PDB file of N, CA and C in Angstrom:
ATOM      1  N   UNK A   1      -3.178  -1.188  14.841  1.00  0.00           N
ATOM      2  CA  UNK A   1      -3.894  -0.176  14.092  1.00  0.00           C
ATOM      3  C   UNK A   1      -3.128   1.140  14.092  1.00  0.00           C
ATOM      4  N   UNK A   2      -2.549   1.491  15.225  1.00  0.00           N
ATOM      5  CA  UNK A   2      -1.805   2.753  15.290  1.00  0.00           C
ATOM      6  C   UNK A   2      -0.615   2.748  14.348  1.00  0.00           C
ATOM      7  N   UNK A   3       0.030   1.590  14.194  1.00  0.00           N
ATOM      8  CA  UNK A   3       1.173   1.493  13.282  1.00  0.00           C
ATOM      9  C   UNK A   3       0.719   1.770  11.858  1.00  0.00           C
ATOM     10  N   UNK A   4      -0.402   1.177  11.468  1.00  0.00           N
ATOM     11  CA  UNK A   4      -0.915   1.407  10.116  1.00  0.00           C
ATOM     12  C   UNK A   4      -1.301   2.861   9.904  1.00  0.00           C
ATOM     13  N   UNK A   5      -1.848   3.498  10.923  1.00  0.00           N
ATOM     14  CA  UNK A   5      -2.190   4.918  10.815  1.00  0.00           C
ATOM     15  C   UNK A   5      -0.935   5.758  10.619  1.00  0.00           C
ATOM     16  N   UNK A   6       0.126   5.421  11.337  1.00  0.00           N
ATOM     17  CA  UNK A   6       1.390   6.155  11.182  1.00  0.00           C
ATOM     18  C   UNK A   6       1.976   5.955   9.794  1.00  0.00           C
ATOM     19  N   UNK A   7       1.939   4.714   9.315  1.00  0.00           N
ATOM     20  CA  UNK A   7       2.453   4.430   7.974  1.00  0.00           C
ATOM     21  C   UNK A   7       1.641   5.203   6.939  1.00  0.00           C
ATOM     22  N   UNK A   8       0.329   5.184   7.073  1.00  0.00           N
ATOM     23  CA  UNK A   8      -0.525   5.917   6.133  1.00  0.00           C
ATOM     24  C   UNK A   8      -0.207   7.409   6.162  1.00  0.00           C
ATOM     25  N   UNK A   9       0.040   7.942   7.338  1.00  0.00           N
ATOM     26  CA  UNK A   9       0.389   9.362   7.450  1.00  0.00           C
ATOM     27  C   UNK A   9       1.721   9.650   6.753  1.00  0.00           C
ATOM     28  N   UNK A  10       2.692   8.773   6.952  1.00  0.00           N
ATOM     29  CA  UNK A  10       4.004   8.975   6.324  1.00  0.00           C
ATOM     30  C   UNK A  10       3.941   8.869   4.808  1.00  0.00           C
ATOM     31  N   UNK A  11       3.229   7.874   4.307  1.00  0.00           N
ATOM     32  CA  UNK A  11       3.171   7.729   2.852  1.00  0.00           C
ATOM     33  C   UNK A  11       2.350   8.843   2.210  1.00  0.00           C
ATOM     34  N   UNK A  12       1.451   9.438   2.953  1.00  0.00           N
ATOM     35  CA  UNK A  12       0.688  10.571   2.423  1.00  0.00           C
ATOM     36  C   UNK A  12       1.589  11.774   2.164  1.00  0.00           C
ATOM     37  N   UNK A  13       2.736  11.808   2.817  1.00  0.00           N
ATOM     38  CA  UNK A  13       3.671  12.919   2.654  1.00  0.00           C
ATOM     39  C   UNK A  13       4.656  12.697   1.509  1.00  0.00           C
ATOM     40  N   UNK A  14       4.608  11.534   0.858  1.00  0.00           N
ATOM     41  CA  UNK A  14       5.515  11.238  -0.248  1.00  0.00           C
ATOM     42  C   UNK A  14       5.160  12.070  -1.472  1.00  0.00           C
ATOM     43  N   UNK A  15       6.175  12.335  -2.276  1.00  0.00           N
ATOM     44  CA  UNK A  15       5.914  13.011  -3.551  1.00  0.00           C
ATOM     45  C   UNK A  15       5.164  12.055  -4.468  1.00  0.00           C
ATOM     46  N   UNK A  16       4.641  12.550  -5.546  1.00  0.00           N
ATOM     47  CA  UNK A  16       3.900  11.721  -6.496  1.00  0.00           C
ATOM     48  C   UNK A  16       4.779  10.595  -7.035  1.00  0.00           C
ATOM     49  N   UNK A  17       6.017  10.906  -7.381  1.00  0.00           N
ATOM     50  CA  UNK A  17       6.933   9.883  -7.891  1.00  0.00           C
ATOM     51  C   UNK A  17       7.253   8.843  -6.830  1.00  0.00           C
ATOM     52  N   UNK A  18       7.489   9.285  -5.613  1.00  0.00           N
ATOM     53  CA  UNK A  18       7.782   8.356  -4.526  1.00  0.00           C
ATOM     54  C   UNK A  18       6.578   7.470  -4.241  1.00  0.00           C
ATOM     55  N   UNK A  19       5.398   8.054  -4.264  1.00  0.00           N
ATOM     56  CA  UNK A  19       4.168   7.303  -4.028  1.00  0.00           C
ATOM     57  C   UNK A  19       3.990   6.225  -5.097  1.00  0.00           C
ATOM     58  N   UNK A  20       4.248   6.588  -6.332  1.00  0.00           N
ATOM     59  CA  UNK A  20       4.123   5.644  -7.437  1.00  0.00           C
ATOM     60  C   UNK A  20       5.114   4.487  -7.283  1.00  0.00           C
ATOM     61  N   UNK A  21       6.349   4.800  -6.916  1.00  0.00           N
ATOM     62  CA  UNK A  21       7.360   3.764  -6.694  1.00  0.00           C
ATOM     63  C   UNK A  21       6.949   2.845  -5.546  1.00  0.00           C
ATOM     64  N   UNK A  22       6.406   3.414  -4.483  1.00  0.00           N
ATOM     65  CA  UNK A  22       5.983   2.643  -3.325  1.00  0.00           C
ATOM     66  C   UNK A  22       4.843   1.703  -3.690  1.00  0.00           C
ATOM     67  N   UNK A  23       3.889   2.189  -4.466  1.00  0.00           N
ATOM     68  CA  UNK A  23       2.771   1.365  -4.921  1.00  0.00           C
ATOM     69  C   UNK A  23       3.281   0.222  -5.789  1.00  0.00           C
ATOM     70  N   UNK A  24       4.237   0.507  -6.672  1.00  0.00           N
ATOM     71  CA  UNK A  24       4.816  -0.543  -7.511  1.00  0.00           C
ATOM     72  C   UNK A  24       5.526  -1.595  -6.656  1.00  0.00           C
ATOM     73  N   UNK A  25       6.249  -1.152  -5.644  1.00  0.00           N
ATOM     74  CA  UNK A  25       6.948  -2.067  -4.746  1.00  0.00           C
ATOM     75  C   UNK A  25       5.961  -2.971  -4.019  1.00  0.00           C
ATOM     76  N   UNK A  26       4.893  -2.396  -3.516  1.00  0.00           N
ATOM     77  CA  UNK A  26       3.876  -3.193  -2.823  1.00  0.00           C
ATOM     78  C   UNK A  26       3.255  -4.207  -3.780  1.00  0.00           C
ATOM     79  N   UNK A  27       3.006  -3.795  -5.014  1.00  0.00           N
ATOM     80  CA  UNK A  27       2.457  -4.718  -6.013  1.00  0.00           C
ATOM     81  C   UNK A  27       3.401  -5.870  -6.304  1.00  0.00           C
ATOM     82  N   UNK A  28       4.683  -5.578  -6.396  1.00  0.00           N
ATOM     83  CA  UNK A  28       5.686  -6.626  -6.620  1.00  0.00           C
ATOM     84  C   UNK A  28       5.741  -7.586  -5.441  1.00  0.00           C
ATOM     85  N   UNK A  29       5.684  -7.030  -4.244  1.00  0.00           N
ATOM     86  CA  UNK A  29       5.698  -7.866  -3.045  1.00  0.00           C
ATOM     87  C   UNK A  29       4.464  -8.770  -3.013  1.00  0.00           C
ATOM     88  N   UNK A  30       3.307  -8.219  -3.360  1.00  0.00           N
ATOM     89  CA  UNK A  30       2.065  -8.998  -3.356  1.00  0.00           C
ATOM     90  C   UNK A  30       2.135 -10.138  -4.371  1.00  0.00           C
ATOM     91  N   UNK A  31       2.688  -9.858  -5.534  1.00  0.00           N
ATOM     92  CA  UNK A  31       2.773 -10.867  -6.587  1.00  0.00           C
ATOM     93  C   UNK A  31       3.657 -12.038  -6.171  1.00  0.00           C
ATOM     94  N   UNK A  32       4.646 -11.787  -5.325  1.00  0.00           N
ATOM     95  CA  UNK A  32       5.577 -12.828  -4.895  1.00  0.00           C
ATOM     96  C   UNK A  32       5.157 -13.497  -3.589  1.00  0.00           C
ATOM     97  N   UNK A  33       4.152 -12.964  -2.939  1.00  0.00           N
ATOM     98  CA  UNK A  33       3.746 -13.478  -1.623  1.00  0.00           C
ATOM     99  C   UNK A  33       2.978 -14.791  -1.757  1.00  0.00           C
ATOM    100  N   UNK A  34       3.453 -15.822  -1.070  1.00  0.00           N
ATOM    101  CA  UNK A  34       2.806 -17.134  -1.125  1.00  0.00           C
ATOM    102  C   UNK A  34       1.636 -17.249  -0.149  1.00  0.00           C
ATOM    103  N   UNK A  35       1.691 -16.506   0.941  1.00  0.00           N
ATOM    104  CA  UNK A  35       0.634 -16.582   1.955  1.00  0.00           C
ATOM    105  C   UNK A  35      -0.564 -15.760   1.475  1.00  0.00           C
ATOM    106  N   UNK A  36      -1.721 -16.400   1.276  1.00  0.00           N
ATOM    107  CA  UNK A  36      -2.891 -15.681   0.747  1.00  0.00           C
ATOM    108  C   UNK A  36      -3.325 -14.491   1.593  1.00  0.00           C
ATOM    109  N   UNK A  37      -3.266 -14.601   2.907  1.00  0.00           N
ATOM    110  CA  UNK A  37      -3.713 -13.479   3.740  1.00  0.00           C
ATOM    111  C   UNK A  37      -2.743 -12.308   3.649  1.00  0.00           C
ATOM    112  N   UNK A  38      -1.472 -12.580   3.573  1.00  0.00           N
ATOM    113  CA  UNK A  38      -0.486 -11.495   3.405  1.00  0.00           C
ATOM    114  C   UNK A  38      -0.624 -10.858   2.033  1.00  0.00           C
ATOM    115  N   UNK A  39      -0.833 -11.698   1.003  1.00  0.00           N
ATOM    116  CA  UNK A  39      -1.010 -11.170  -0.354  1.00  0.00           C
ATOM    117  C   UNK A  39      -2.236 -10.264  -0.405  1.00  0.00           C
ATOM    118  N   UNK A  40      -3.322 -10.699   0.220  1.00  0.00           N
ATOM    119  CA  UNK A  40      -4.545  -9.890   0.249  1.00  0.00           C
ATOM    120  C   UNK A  40      -4.298  -8.551   0.948  1.00  0.00           C
ATOM    121  N   UNK A  41      -3.566  -8.593   2.069  1.00  0.00           N
ATOM    122  CA  UNK A  41      -3.243  -7.355   2.783  1.00  0.00           C
ATOM    123  C   UNK A  41      -2.448  -6.414   1.890  1.00  0.00           C
ATOM    124  N   UNK A  42      -1.414  -6.938   1.233  1.00  0.00           N
ATOM    125  CA  UNK A  42      -0.574  -6.104   0.371  1.00  0.00           C
ATOM    126  C   UNK A  42      -1.374  -5.534  -0.802  1.00  0.00           C
ATOM    127  N   UNK A  43      -2.225  -6.360  -1.384  1.00  0.00           N
ATOM    128  CA  UNK A  43      -3.030  -5.884  -2.514  1.00  0.00           C
ATOM    129  C   UNK A  43      -4.002  -4.788  -2.093  1.00  0.00           C
ATOM    130  N   UNK A  44      -4.503  -4.867  -0.869  1.00  0.00           N
ATOM    131  CA  UNK A  44      -5.456  -3.871  -0.399  1.00  0.00           C
ATOM    132  C   UNK A  44      -4.831  -2.647   0.238  1.00  0.00           C
ATOM    133  N   UNK A  45      -3.528  -2.711   0.518  1.00  0.00           N
ATOM    134  CA  UNK A  45      -2.885  -1.613   1.241  1.00  0.00           C
ATOM    135  C   UNK A  45      -2.953  -0.267   0.520  1.00  0.00           C
ATOM    136  N   UNK A  46      -2.649  -0.191  -0.777  1.00  0.00           N
ATOM    137  CA  UNK A  46      -2.695   1.130  -1.422  1.00  0.00           C
ATOM    138  C   UNK A  46      -4.051   1.832  -1.295  1.00  0.00           C
ATOM    139  N   UNK A  47      -5.128   1.104  -1.513  1.00  0.00           N
ATOM    140  CA  UNK A  47      -6.465   1.695  -1.388  1.00  0.00           C
ATOM    141  C   UNK A  47      -6.848   1.963   0.049  1.00  0.00           C
ATOM    142  N   UNK A  48      -6.493   1.041   0.926  1.00  0.00           N
ATOM    143  CA  UNK A  48      -6.859   1.169   2.328  1.00  0.00           C
ATOM    144  C   UNK A  48      -6.105   2.252   3.065  1.00  0.00           C
ATOM    145  N   UNK A  49      -4.928   2.590   2.556  1.00  0.00           N
ATOM    146  CA  UNK A  49      -4.121   3.614   3.223  1.00  0.00           C
ATOM    147  C   UNK A  49      -4.251   4.980   2.570  1.00  0.00           C
ATOM    148  N   UNK A  50      -5.054   5.062   1.516  1.00  0.00           N
ATOM    149  CA  UNK A  50      -5.239   6.352   0.853  1.00  0.00           C
ATOM    150  C   UNK A  50      -4.193   6.667  -0.201  1.00  0.00           C
ATOM    151  N   UNK A  51      -3.346   5.693  -0.546  1.00  0.00           N
ATOM    152  CA  UNK A  51      -2.350   5.929  -1.597  1.00  0.00           C
ATOM    153  C   UNK A  51      -3.006   6.088  -2.957  1.00  0.00           C
ATOM    154  N   UNK A  52      -4.087   5.363  -3.154  1.00  0.00           N
ATOM    155  CA  UNK A  52      -4.834   5.453  -4.412  1.00  0.00           C
ATOM    156  C   UNK A  52      -6.307   5.616  -4.080  1.00  0.00           C
ATOM    157  N   UNK A  53      -7.043   6.163  -4.995  1.00  0.00           N
ATOM    158  CA  UNK A  53      -8.477   6.321  -4.828  1.00  0.00           C
ATOM    159  C   UNK A  53      -9.160   5.004  -5.144  1.00  0.00           C
ATOM    160  N   UNK A  54     -10.037   4.546  -4.288  1.00  0.00           N
ATOM    161  CA  UNK A  54     -10.839   3.361  -4.582  1.00  0.00           C
ATOM    162  C   UNK A  54     -11.951   3.752  -5.546  1.00  0.00           C
ATOM    163  N   UNK A  55     -12.270   2.844  -6.430  1.00  0.00           N
ATOM    164  CA  UNK A  55     -13.323   3.099  -7.422  1.00  0.00           C
ATOM    165  C   UNK A  55     -14.694   2.656  -6.931  1.00  0.00           C
ATOM    166  N   UNK A  56     -14.848   2.418  -5.643  1.00  0.00           N
ATOM    167  CA  UNK A  56     -16.108   1.937  -5.101  1.00  0.00           C
ATOM    168  C   UNK A  56     -17.066   3.060  -4.878  1.00  0.00           C
TER     169      UNK A  56
END
């Protein structure tokens, strides 16, 4: 959990362009991921880490 908190803190410091590129990279990784649990994690990472606003 602490690792994810650190990652979330670091990505929060990215510029808007860097954040957008990072989100695109995560999406590409998720699309290629064969393991369903890893794909689910990658798909949920942007919202769960605060990179994007959840619409919930």
